[in-house]
Amino acid sequence: MYSERSAVQHPVAIATMLTPSERVRVDAAGEGSYQAVHRDSVAEVVQDLKTNRVSAVVVSVTRCDQRARTTAAPRRSGAAGPVHPPDRGA
């Protein structure tokens, strides 16, 4: 039996760490497609991922410190797992 209630689809939730102006643009771009869950810390984003509250993460480079930027540089879209700094050899 098919019910109207089961036909309601909720937008995918994504965690973000963005500047205020970026938040406005991301919210407008995702209208109806996804629900942005804006966060102010990496710890909050990680908690969202661990508890499966979000399916994706968007982080602004402007919200990262210099060390985090160099660590995240090798990361590619769709890659899974933690970001590790490149092996510099011993």
N, C-alpha and C. Protein backbone atom coordinates (compact mmCIF):
# COMPACT_ATOMS: atom_id res chain seq x y z
N MET A 1 0.84 -1.18 0.00
CA MET A 1 0.00 0.00 0.00
C MET A 1 0.89 1.24 0.00
N TYR A 2 0.59 2.19 -0.84
CA TYR A 2 1.36 3.41 -1.00
C TYR A 2 0.66 4.54 -0.26
N SER A 3 1.40 5.24 0.57
CA SER A 3 0.80 6.37 1.27
C SER A 3 1.49 7.66 0.86
N GLU A 4 0.76 8.76 0.94
CA GLU A 4 1.33 10.06 0.59
C GLU A 4 2.48 10.41 1.53
N ARG A 5 2.40 9.97 2.74
CA ARG A 5 3.43 10.27 3.73
C ARG A 5 4.79 9.73 3.30
N SER A 6 4.82 8.52 2.73
CA SER A 6 6.09 7.94 2.31
C SER A 6 6.64 8.61 1.06
N ALA A 7 5.82 9.36 0.33
CA ALA A 7 6.27 10.02 -0.88
C ALA A 7 7.04 11.31 -0.58
N VAL A 8 6.96 11.81 0.63
CA VAL A 8 7.65 13.05 1.00
C VAL A 8 9.14 12.76 1.14
N GLN A 9 9.93 13.47 0.34
CA GLN A 9 11.37 13.31 0.42
C GLN A 9 11.97 14.54 1.06
N HIS A 10 12.86 14.31 2.01
CA HIS A 10 13.53 15.41 2.67
C HIS A 10 14.84 15.68 1.95
N PRO A 11 15.22 16.94 1.84
CA PRO A 11 16.50 17.25 1.19
C PRO A 11 17.67 16.64 1.98
N VAL A 12 18.72 16.33 1.27
CA VAL A 12 19.94 15.80 1.88
C VAL A 12 20.55 16.89 2.76
N ALA A 13 21.02 16.51 3.93
CA ALA A 13 21.66 17.46 4.84
C ALA A 13 23.16 17.49 4.57
N ILE A 14 23.72 18.71 4.48
CA ILE A 14 25.16 18.87 4.35
C ILE A 14 25.65 19.81 5.44
N ALA A 15 26.78 19.48 6.03
CA ALA A 15 27.40 20.35 7.02
C ALA A 15 28.28 21.35 6.29
N THR A 16 28.30 22.58 6.76
CA THR A 16 29.15 23.59 6.15
C THR A 16 29.96 24.31 7.20
N MET A 17 31.13 24.77 6.81
CA MET A 17 31.93 25.73 7.58
C MET A 17 32.26 26.84 6.60
N LEU A 18 31.45 27.88 6.61
CA LEU A 18 31.53 28.95 5.62
C LEU A 18 31.51 30.31 6.28
N THR A 19 31.93 31.33 5.53
CA THR A 19 31.79 32.71 5.99
C THR A 19 30.31 33.08 5.90
N PRO A 20 29.89 34.13 6.60
CA PRO A 20 28.48 34.53 6.52
C PRO A 20 27.99 34.79 5.09
N SER A 21 28.79 35.44 4.26
CA SER A 21 28.34 35.72 2.89
C SER A 21 28.27 34.43 2.06
N GLU A 22 29.18 33.50 2.31
CA GLU A 22 29.12 32.22 1.61
C GLU A 22 27.89 31.41 2.03
N ARG A 23 27.52 31.50 3.29
CA ARG A 23 26.33 30.79 3.78
C ARG A 23 25.08 31.21 3.01
N VAL A 24 24.95 32.51 2.80
CA VAL A 24 23.78 33.02 2.08
C VAL A 24 23.72 32.45 0.68
N ARG A 25 24.86 32.41 -0.01
CA ARG A 25 24.89 31.90 -1.39
C ARG A 25 24.64 30.40 -1.44
N VAL A 26 25.21 29.65 -0.49
CA VAL A 26 25.00 28.20 -0.46
C VAL A 26 23.54 27.88 -0.15
N ASP A 27 22.95 28.61 0.78
CA ASP A 27 21.53 28.41 1.08
C ASP A 27 20.67 28.66 -0.15
N ALA A 28 20.95 29.74 -0.87
CA ALA A 28 20.16 30.07 -2.07
C ALA A 28 20.35 29.03 -3.16
N ALA A 29 21.57 28.56 -3.34
CA ALA A 29 21.85 27.57 -4.40
C ALA A 29 21.18 26.23 -4.13
N GLY A 30 21.05 25.88 -2.86
CA GLY A 30 20.51 24.56 -2.53
C GLY A 30 19.04 24.52 -2.23
N GLU A 31 18.35 25.60 -2.47
CA GLU A 31 16.92 25.68 -2.15
C GLU A 31 16.17 24.46 -2.67
N GLY A 32 15.74 23.60 -1.74
CA GLY A 32 14.97 22.42 -2.10
C GLY A 32 15.80 21.19 -2.44
N SER A 33 17.08 21.38 -2.78
CA SER A 33 17.94 20.26 -3.15
C SER A 33 18.67 19.66 -1.96
N TYR A 34 19.08 20.52 -1.06
CA TYR A 34 19.78 20.08 0.14
C TYR A 34 19.51 21.06 1.27
N GLN A 35 19.75 20.61 2.48
CA GLN A 35 19.58 21.44 3.67
C GLN A 35 20.97 21.68 4.26
N ALA A 36 21.43 22.92 4.21
CA ALA A 36 22.73 23.27 4.77
C ALA A 36 22.62 23.36 6.30
N VAL A 37 23.53 22.68 6.99
CA VAL A 37 23.61 22.73 8.44
C VAL A 37 24.92 23.46 8.74
N HIS A 38 24.81 24.77 9.02
CA HIS A 38 26.00 25.60 9.19
C HIS A 38 26.66 25.36 10.54
N ARG A 39 27.95 25.15 10.51
CA ARG A 39 28.73 24.88 11.71
C ARG A 39 29.88 25.86 11.82
N ASP A 40 30.35 26.07 13.05
CA ASP A 40 31.44 27.01 13.32
C ASP A 40 32.74 26.34 13.69
N SER A 41 32.75 25.01 13.83
CA SER A 41 33.98 24.33 14.21
C SER A 41 34.08 22.97 13.52
N VAL A 42 35.32 22.51 13.38
CA VAL A 42 35.56 21.19 12.82
C VAL A 42 34.94 20.13 13.72
N ALA A 43 35.01 20.33 15.03
CA ALA A 43 34.45 19.35 15.97
C ALA A 43 32.96 19.15 15.72
N GLU A 44 32.23 20.21 15.45
CA GLU A 44 30.80 20.09 15.16
C GLU A 44 30.55 19.32 13.86
N VAL A 45 31.37 19.58 12.85
CA VAL A 45 31.24 18.88 11.57
C VAL A 45 31.53 17.39 11.76
N VAL A 46 32.60 17.09 12.48
CA VAL A 46 32.96 15.69 12.73
C VAL A 46 31.84 14.97 13.48
N GLN A 47 31.26 15.63 14.47
CA GLN A 47 30.16 15.02 15.22
C GLN A 47 28.97 14.74 14.31
N ASP A 48 28.66 15.68 13.41
CA ASP A 48 27.57 15.47 12.45
C ASP A 48 27.84 14.25 11.58
N LEU A 49 29.08 14.08 11.14
CA LEU A 49 29.45 12.93 10.32
C LEU A 49 29.37 11.63 11.10
N LYS A 50 29.87 11.64 12.32
CA LYS A 50 29.87 10.43 13.15
C LYS A 50 28.45 9.95 13.46
N THR A 51 27.54 10.87 13.61
CA THR A 51 26.16 10.51 13.95
C THR A 51 25.26 10.42 12.72
N ASN A 52 25.86 10.52 11.54
CA ASN A 52 25.12 10.43 10.27
C ASN A 52 24.03 11.49 10.12
N ARG A 53 24.21 12.65 10.72
CA ARG A 53 23.25 13.74 10.56
C ARG A 53 23.39 14.41 9.20
N VAL A 54 24.58 14.28 8.59
CA VAL A 54 24.82 14.90 7.29
C VAL A 54 25.42 13.87 6.34
N SER A 55 25.24 14.13 5.06
CA SER A 55 25.76 13.23 4.03
C SER A 55 26.97 13.79 3.31
N ALA A 56 27.23 15.07 3.50
CA ALA A 56 28.35 15.72 2.81
C ALA A 56 28.83 16.90 3.64
N VAL A 57 30.01 17.41 3.29
CA VAL A 57 30.60 18.55 3.99
C VAL A 57 31.14 19.53 2.96
N VAL A 58 30.90 20.82 3.21
CA VAL A 58 31.47 21.89 2.40
C VAL A 58 32.23 22.80 3.36
N VAL A 59 33.54 22.98 3.10
CA VAL A 59 34.37 23.83 3.96
C VAL A 59 35.01 24.91 3.10
N SER A 60 34.90 26.14 3.55
CA SER A 60 35.51 27.26 2.86
C SER A 60 36.99 27.35 3.22
N VAL A 61 37.81 27.61 2.23
CA VAL A 61 39.24 27.79 2.47
C VAL A 61 39.48 28.97 3.41
N THR A 62 38.62 29.96 3.36
CA THR A 62 38.79 31.12 4.23
C THR A 62 38.57 30.79 5.70
N ARG A 63 37.95 29.66 6.00
CA ARG A 63 37.72 29.25 7.38
C ARG A 63 38.85 28.36 7.92
N CYS A 64 39.84 28.05 7.08
CA CYS A 64 40.94 27.19 7.49
C CYS A 64 42.17 28.02 7.82
N ASP A 65 42.95 27.56 8.78
CA ASP A 65 44.22 28.22 9.03
C ASP A 65 45.24 27.72 8.01
N GLN A 66 46.41 28.33 7.97
CA GLN A 66 47.40 27.99 6.95
C GLN A 66 47.79 26.52 6.99
N ARG A 67 47.96 25.94 8.17
CA ARG A 67 48.35 24.53 8.27
C ARG A 67 47.26 23.62 7.69
N ALA A 68 46.01 23.93 8.00
CA ALA A 68 44.91 23.11 7.48
C ALA A 68 44.83 23.22 5.97
N ARG A 69 45.12 24.39 5.42
CA ARG A 69 45.08 24.56 3.96
C ARG A 69 46.11 23.67 3.27
N THR A 70 47.32 23.61 3.79
CA THR A 70 48.34 22.79 3.13
C THR A 70 48.04 21.32 3.31
N THR A 71 47.43 20.95 4.42
CA THR A 71 47.07 19.55 4.65
C THR A 71 45.92 19.13 3.74
N ALA A 72 44.97 20.01 3.51
CA ALA A 72 43.79 19.67 2.72
C ALA A 72 44.03 19.79 1.23
N ALA A 73 45.11 20.40 0.81
CA ALA A 73 45.37 20.64 -0.61
C ALA A 73 45.31 19.38 -1.47
N PRO A 74 45.86 18.22 -1.05
CA PRO A 74 45.81 17.05 -1.91
C PRO A 74 44.42 16.42 -2.04
N ARG A 75 43.47 16.86 -1.24
CA ARG A 75 42.12 16.28 -1.21
C ARG A 75 41.39 16.53 -2.51
N ARG A 76 40.70 15.53 -3.01
CA ARG A 76 39.91 15.66 -4.23
C ARG A 76 38.45 15.35 -3.93
N SER A 77 37.57 15.93 -4.69
CA SER A 77 36.14 15.70 -4.52
C SER A 77 35.83 14.21 -4.65
N GLY A 78 35.02 13.71 -3.72
CA GLY A 78 34.61 12.33 -3.75
C GLY A 78 35.57 11.38 -3.07
N ALA A 79 36.72 11.88 -2.64
CA ALA A 79 37.69 11.02 -1.95
C ALA A 79 37.18 10.70 -0.56
N ALA A 80 37.42 9.49 -0.11
CA ALA A 80 36.95 9.08 1.20
C ALA A 80 38.12 8.98 2.17
N GLY A 81 37.81 9.10 3.44
CA GLY A 81 38.82 8.90 4.47
C GLY A 81 39.44 10.21 4.93
N PRO A 82 40.31 10.11 5.93
CA PRO A 82 40.91 11.31 6.50
C PRO A 82 41.96 11.91 5.57
N VAL A 83 42.21 13.20 5.76
CA VAL A 83 43.24 13.89 5.00
C VAL A 83 44.55 13.72 5.75
N HIS A 84 45.58 13.30 5.04
CA HIS A 84 46.89 13.12 5.65
C HIS A 84 47.89 14.00 4.90
N PRO A 85 48.85 14.59 5.62
CA PRO A 85 49.86 15.37 4.92
C PRO A 85 50.70 14.45 4.03
N PRO A 86 51.26 14.99 2.96
CA PRO A 86 52.07 14.16 2.07
C PRO A 86 53.28 13.60 2.80
N ASP A 87 53.69 12.40 2.42
CA ASP A 87 54.86 11.76 3.01
C ASP A 87 56.10 12.44 2.46
N ARG A 88 56.88 13.02 3.32
CA ARG A 88 58.07 13.75 2.92
C ARG A 88 59.32 12.87 2.93
N GLY A 89 59.13 11.61 3.35
CA GLY A 89 60.28 10.69 3.40
C GLY A 89 61.08 10.91 4.66
N ALA A 90 61.72 9.88 5.14
CA ALA A 90 62.46 10.01 6.39
C ALA A 90 63.93 10.10 6.15
